[in-house]
Amino acid sequence: MINRIIIRIYFFSLGFCFTQDIQVKMLTKSYFDVPVIGKIYLSQTTYLSNNRKNTIEKTDIETRFFGFIAGLVSDIKDTTGTLIDSKGQEWEYNINDKEYWKVLKEKEQTPEGGEEKSKKIEYTIGSDDESSNENKFISVSRVGHEQMENIHGFRTKKWTTTLEFSEFKFIIDEWSVKELSLLRLADSLNREILISKGVSDTLIAISRYGSGLSNNEMILGATRLDSIYQVHGIPSIPGEIIKGNMKKVEKGDDDSNMSFGIEMVELYAESYDRKRFVIPDDYDFID
C-alpha cells in the first residue's frame, strides 16, 4: 500500500509515556482549488518531540501559467520549513537555497520597508464580514453514512455536514476513526509548544489535530460554529477525523467554485533523531 499509516505505540508501566528517545512524524497532504489559479497542493511533514517541532512544506501549483508566473516572482514552489528549537526560538528555512533566518516576535518585527522571508499560503474559503448578506446563516445538517471506508489502513466512518448561508453553502465530507492514541500524543506535544509561545486558546483549539474541517472557523470564515451545531441539535463527530473535503457552492449553481481538502497520510512514532530539530551546518544564516 503506497499510503500507509504505521503506528508503533510504546507503553511504560501504567500508561502511555513519552520520553526524549521518541519523536512523532506526521505527513499530511492538502489542496486548495480556486477559479483562474487552479489547484494548489501542499505536502507537510511534521516532526514533534518534547518542546521541539519541525515542519517541512512543499507546494505545487497545477495550472501551468499561474505556476510559471509564481515561479518567476517568488520561491513558492521551493521546499521550506519552520523549526522551533528546545529554547522556544522559531526559525524558518529554505531547503533549495540552503538558507535560514530567525522568526521575529511581534515586537521584533522587521521595520516597514524591510524584506520578509516568510513564504506561507493561508486558506480561507468563507467570509468573516458579518455585515455581508452572504454570511447570513440559514440551516445546518449532518449525515452519518452507513458504509465503512478504508482510508490509509483505517476503517473510517464518513460524515457529511452542510452549512447553508443566504448566498452559498458549504458541503463538507469527513472521515473519522474511533480513536488514535498516537495522534492524541502528537496533539499534546503541539499544544504544549503553542502554549509556551503564548498562542491564544482559540487558535490552539482550531489547531487541534483530528478536529476536522466542519469545526474550523478560520478556514470556513464563519463564527460561532459550536453554538450553531448545539442550537440545531447537530451531534459532534466522534473520534479523530483523518480526512476532510469541503466545497463552497454559490446559490443557484450546482458546481463548486472553490474547494479544499486535507488528509493525514502517515503517522509514526520513531526513535528520536536530533538532526530533525536543528538547522544543517551548511545552511547560510540570513540576518
Protein backbone atom coordinates (compact mmCIF):
# COMPACT_ATOMS: atom_id res chain seq x y z
CA MET A 1 0.00 0.00 0.00
CA ILE A 2 1.54 3.30 -1.13
CA ASN A 3 -0.07 5.46 1.51
CA ARG A 4 0.00 3.74 4.86
CA ILE A 5 -0.11 4.85 8.44
CA ILE A 6 2.35 2.87 10.52
CA ILE A 7 1.92 3.21 14.24
CA ARG A 8 4.30 1.93 16.88
CA ILE A 9 2.93 2.54 20.36
CA TYR A 10 5.23 2.36 23.37
CA PHE A 11 3.81 1.57 26.77
CA PHE A 12 5.61 2.18 30.04
CA SER A 13 4.39 0.86 33.43
CA LEU A 14 0.78 2.02 33.95
CA GLY A 15 0.31 4.19 30.94
CA PHE A 16 1.45 5.64 27.70
CA CYS A 17 4.51 7.81 28.36
CA PHE A 18 6.66 9.94 26.09
CA THR A 19 10.41 10.43 26.55
CA GLN A 20 13.10 12.29 24.64
CA ASP A 21 14.01 8.95 23.00
CA ILE A 22 10.85 9.15 20.87
CA GLN A 23 9.57 11.54 18.21
CA VAL A 24 6.35 11.63 16.23
CA LYS A 25 6.33 12.03 12.45
CA MET A 26 3.15 13.05 10.65
CA LEU A 27 2.61 13.56 6.92
CA THR A 28 -0.44 15.46 5.69
CA LYS A 29 -1.46 16.41 2.18
CA SER A 30 -3.89 19.15 1.25
CA TYR A 31 -5.18 21.01 -1.78
CA PHE A 32 -6.92 24.31 -2.45
CA ASP A 33 -8.83 24.72 -5.72
CA VAL A 34 -9.94 28.18 -6.86
CA PRO A 35 -11.00 29.63 -10.24
CA VAL A 36 -8.24 31.01 -12.52
CA ILE A 37 -5.45 29.94 -10.15
CA GLY A 38 -6.31 26.24 -10.30
CA LYS A 39 -5.27 23.65 -7.72
CA ILE A 40 -2.58 24.36 -5.14
CA TYR A 41 -1.14 21.26 -3.46
CA LEU A 42 0.64 21.30 -0.12
CA SER A 43 2.58 18.39 1.36
CA GLN A 44 3.52 18.90 5.00
CA THR A 45 5.77 16.67 7.11
CA THR A 46 5.83 17.47 10.83
CA TYR A 47 8.26 16.13 13.42
CA LEU A 48 7.33 16.56 17.09
CA SER A 49 9.23 15.90 20.30
CA ASN A 50 9.34 17.44 23.77
CA ASN A 51 9.44 21.24 23.23
CA ARG A 52 10.61 20.74 19.65
CA LYS A 53 8.84 20.92 16.32
CA ASN A 54 9.96 20.89 12.71
CA THR A 55 7.54 21.29 9.79
CA ILE A 56 8.67 20.83 6.18
CA GLU A 57 6.39 22.07 3.37
CA LYS A 58 6.36 21.51 -0.36
CA THR A 59 3.91 23.45 -2.54
CA ASP A 60 2.91 22.73 -6.12
CA ILE A 61 0.52 24.57 -8.45
CA GLU A 62 -1.41 22.65 -11.10
CA THR A 63 -2.25 25.46 -13.55
CA ARG A 64 0.79 25.91 -15.75
CA PHE A 65 0.52 29.63 -16.46
CA PHE A 66 0.00 30.68 -12.85
CA GLY A 67 2.65 28.22 -11.71
CA PHE A 68 5.10 29.74 -14.20
CA ILE A 69 4.36 33.30 -13.01
CA ALA A 70 4.61 32.25 -9.36
CA GLY A 71 7.98 30.70 -10.08
CA LEU A 72 9.22 33.97 -11.54
CA VAL A 73 8.16 36.24 -8.70
CA SER A 74 8.73 34.04 -5.65
CA ASP A 75 10.06 30.76 -4.34
CA ILE A 76 6.58 29.46 -3.63
CA LYS A 77 7.45 26.07 -5.15
CA ASP A 78 10.59 25.64 -3.05
CA THR A 79 10.71 23.22 -0.14
CA THR A 80 10.63 25.29 3.04
CA GLY A 81 10.37 24.65 6.74
CA THR A 82 9.66 26.06 10.16
CA LEU A 83 11.61 24.84 13.19
CA ILE A 84 11.01 25.51 16.88
CA ASP A 85 14.03 24.57 18.98
CA SER A 86 14.20 23.48 22.63
CA LYS A 87 14.57 27.12 23.75
CA GLY A 88 11.36 28.13 22.02
CA GLN A 89 13.10 30.07 19.26
CA GLU A 90 11.37 29.81 15.89
CA TRP A 91 13.34 29.58 12.64
CA GLU A 92 12.35 29.35 9.00
CA TYR A 93 14.50 27.85 6.27
CA ASN A 94 14.64 27.16 2.55
CA ILE A 95 15.99 23.74 1.60
CA ASN A 96 16.54 24.68 -2.06
CA ASP A 97 18.60 27.78 -1.23
CA LYS A 98 20.16 26.30 1.95
CA GLU A 99 19.28 29.46 3.87
CA TYR A 100 17.66 30.08 7.24
CA TRP A 101 16.53 33.07 9.27
CA LYS A 102 15.17 33.89 12.68
CA VAL A 103 11.42 34.42 13.03
CA LEU A 104 10.98 37.67 14.90
CA LYS A 105 8.45 38.12 17.66
CA GLU A 106 5.84 40.84 17.24
CA LYS A 107 7.89 43.49 18.98
CA GLU A 108 10.93 42.49 16.91
CA GLN A 109 9.21 42.59 13.51
CA THR A 110 11.12 43.88 10.50
CA PRO A 111 10.73 47.69 10.11
CA GLU A 112 8.48 48.98 7.36
CA GLY A 113 10.14 48.53 4.01
CA GLY A 114 12.23 45.59 5.24
CA GLU A 115 12.18 42.31 3.37
CA GLU A 116 10.13 39.49 4.84
CA LYS A 117 11.45 35.97 4.30
CA SER A 118 8.33 34.01 5.21
CA LYS A 119 6.53 32.25 2.37
CA LYS A 120 3.14 30.97 3.52
CA ILE A 121 -0.14 30.09 1.88
CA GLU A 122 -3.24 30.56 4.01
CA TYR A 123 -6.58 29.04 3.10
CA THR A 124 -9.82 30.88 3.86
CA ILE A 125 -12.98 29.87 2.00
CA GLY A 126 -15.76 31.83 3.67
CA SER A 127 -16.25 35.47 4.57
CA ASP A 128 -15.75 36.89 8.06
CA ASP A 129 -17.63 40.09 7.26
CA GLU A 130 -20.68 39.71 9.50
CA SER A 131 -22.44 42.61 7.80
CA SER A 132 -22.39 40.78 4.49
CA ASN A 133 -25.58 39.07 3.34
CA GLU A 134 -23.55 36.08 2.15
CA ASN A 135 -22.65 35.33 5.75
CA LYS A 136 -26.27 35.12 6.95
CA PHE A 137 -26.80 31.63 8.31
CA ILE A 138 -29.90 29.66 7.21
CA SER A 139 -29.60 25.97 8.11
CA VAL A 140 -27.26 23.11 9.00
CA SER A 141 -27.45 19.32 8.66
CA ARG A 142 -25.13 16.36 9.30
CA VAL A 143 -25.47 12.82 7.96
CA GLY A 144 -23.51 9.77 9.06
CA HIS A 145 -23.06 7.25 6.23
CA GLU A 146 -23.63 3.56 6.97
CA GLN A 147 -20.91 2.01 4.83
CA MET A 148 -17.42 1.94 6.39
CA GLU A 149 -14.49 3.01 4.21
CA ASN A 150 -10.79 2.13 4.33
CA ILE A 151 -8.58 5.25 4.47
CA HIS A 152 -4.83 4.64 4.72
CA GLY A 153 -5.33 1.37 6.56
CA PHE A 154 -8.06 2.59 8.91
CA ARG A 155 -11.74 1.67 8.91
CA THR A 156 -13.46 5.02 8.86
CA LYS A 157 -16.98 6.35 9.02
CA LYS A 158 -17.95 9.11 6.60
CA TRP A 159 -19.88 12.19 7.70
CA THR A 160 -21.38 14.91 5.50
CA THR A 161 -22.09 18.32 7.01
CA THR A 162 -23.95 21.01 5.05
CA LEU A 163 -23.91 24.63 6.21
CA GLU A 164 -26.26 26.85 4.20
CA PHE A 165 -26.00 30.63 4.09
CA SER A 166 -28.07 33.13 2.13
CA GLU A 167 -25.71 33.29 -0.86
CA PHE A 168 -23.82 29.99 -0.71
CA LYS A 169 -23.44 26.71 1.13
CA PHE A 170 -20.57 24.57 2.40
CA ILE A 171 -20.66 20.82 1.81
CA ILE A 172 -18.09 19.07 4.00
CA ASP A 173 -17.22 15.37 3.82
CA GLU A 174 -15.13 13.98 6.69
CA TRP A 175 -13.83 10.53 7.60
CA SER A 176 -13.28 9.61 11.25
CA VAL A 177 -11.78 6.72 13.23
CA LYS A 178 -12.89 5.80 16.75
CA GLU A 179 -9.58 6.59 18.40
CA LEU A 180 -5.95 7.23 17.54
CA SER A 181 -3.69 7.39 20.60
CA LEU A 182 -0.61 8.50 18.71
CA LEU A 183 -2.46 11.45 17.22
CA ARG A 184 -3.53 12.48 20.74
CA LEU A 185 0.13 12.35 21.75
CA ALA A 186 1.16 14.49 18.76
CA ASP A 187 -1.57 16.98 19.59
CA SER A 188 -0.46 17.14 23.22
CA LEU A 189 3.13 17.88 22.19
CA ASN A 190 1.97 20.53 19.73
CA ARG A 191 -0.34 22.09 22.30
CA GLU A 192 2.48 22.46 24.84
CA ILE A 193 4.59 24.25 22.23
CA LEU A 194 1.74 26.61 21.32
CA ILE A 195 1.07 27.39 24.99
CA SER A 196 4.75 28.18 25.58
CA LYS A 197 4.64 30.60 22.65
CA GLY A 198 1.64 32.41 24.12
CA VAL A 199 -0.84 31.36 21.43
CA SER A 200 -4.47 32.12 22.32
CA ASP A 201 -6.83 29.37 23.46
CA THR A 202 -8.99 30.00 20.37
CA LEU A 203 -6.12 29.37 17.95
CA ILE A 204 -4.99 26.35 19.96
CA ALA A 205 -8.48 24.87 19.66
CA ILE A 206 -8.52 25.49 15.89
CA SER A 207 -5.07 23.87 15.58
CA ARG A 208 -6.14 20.66 17.33
CA TYR A 209 -5.13 17.58 15.33
CA GLY A 210 -8.07 15.41 14.33
CA SER A 211 -10.73 18.10 14.83
CA GLY A 212 -11.69 18.22 11.16
CA LEU A 213 -12.89 20.96 8.82
CA SER A 214 -16.51 21.40 9.88
CA ASN A 215 -15.33 22.84 13.21
CA ASN A 216 -12.67 25.13 11.79
CA GLU A 217 -13.96 28.70 11.92
CA MET A 218 -10.75 30.08 10.41
CA ILE A 219 -10.99 28.04 7.20
CA LEU A 220 -14.74 28.45 6.85
CA GLY A 221 -14.64 32.15 7.63
CA ALA A 222 -17.71 31.58 9.82
CA THR A 223 -18.17 32.31 13.51
CA ARG A 224 -19.92 30.65 16.45
CA LEU A 225 -19.98 27.19 14.84
CA ASP A 226 -20.25 25.42 18.20
CA SER A 227 -23.36 27.44 19.05
CA ILE A 228 -24.88 26.76 15.62
CA TYR A 229 -24.43 22.99 15.98
CA GLN A 230 -25.71 22.98 19.55
CA VAL A 231 -28.82 25.05 18.85
CA HIS A 232 -29.77 22.87 15.87
CA GLY A 233 -29.12 19.60 17.68
CA ILE A 234 -26.24 18.54 15.44
CA PRO A 235 -24.19 15.79 17.17
CA SER A 236 -20.41 16.02 17.27
CA ILE A 237 -18.41 13.70 15.03
CA PRO A 238 -16.94 11.05 17.37
CA GLY A 239 -13.29 10.04 17.30
CA GLU A 240 -10.49 11.51 15.21
CA ILE A 241 -11.01 12.97 11.74
CA ILE A 242 -8.18 11.90 9.42
CA LYS A 243 -9.53 13.20 6.12
CA GLY A 244 -11.78 16.05 5.04
CA ASN A 245 -13.00 17.58 1.78
CA MET A 246 -15.11 20.68 1.53
CA LYS A 247 -16.56 22.74 -1.26
CA LYS A 248 -18.30 26.08 -1.48
CA VAL A 249 -21.30 26.21 -3.82
CA GLU A 250 -22.87 29.52 -4.80
CA LYS A 251 -26.66 29.87 -4.67
CA GLY A 252 -28.28 28.70 -7.91
CA ASP A 253 -25.12 26.91 -9.06
CA ASP A 254 -24.65 23.16 -8.65
CA ASP A 255 -20.93 23.31 -9.38
CA SER A 256 -18.34 24.13 -6.73
CA ASN A 257 -16.40 27.33 -7.36
CA MET A 258 -13.94 26.73 -4.54
CA SER A 259 -12.81 23.64 -2.62
CA PHE A 260 -10.30 22.50 -0.04
CA GLY A 261 -9.18 19.12 1.24
CA ILE A 262 -6.73 17.69 3.74
CA GLU A 263 -5.81 14.17 4.86
CA MET A 264 -3.35 12.53 7.20
CA VAL A 265 -1.31 10.09 5.13
CA GLU A 266 1.30 8.81 7.58
CA LEU A 267 1.72 8.76 11.35
CA TYR A 268 4.75 7.25 13.06
CA ALA A 269 6.41 7.02 16.44
CA GLU A 270 10.13 6.60 15.87
CA SER A 271 13.47 6.91 17.63
CA TYR A 272 14.49 10.46 18.47
CA ASP A 273 16.80 11.99 15.86
CA ARG A 274 18.41 15.24 16.99
CA LYS A 275 19.21 16.21 13.37
CA ARG A 276 15.49 16.61 12.70
CA PHE A 277 15.37 19.55 15.11
CA VAL A 278 18.44 21.57 14.13
CA ILE A 279 19.34 23.65 11.07
CA PRO A 280 22.01 21.85 8.98
CA ASP A 281 25.54 23.25 9.38
CA ASP A 282 25.91 24.02 5.66
CA TYR A 283 22.92 26.43 5.62
CA ASP A 284 23.64 30.18 5.42
CA PHE A 285 22.10 32.44 8.04
CA ILE A 286 20.18 35.41 6.61
CA ASP A 287 20.07 38.33 9.02
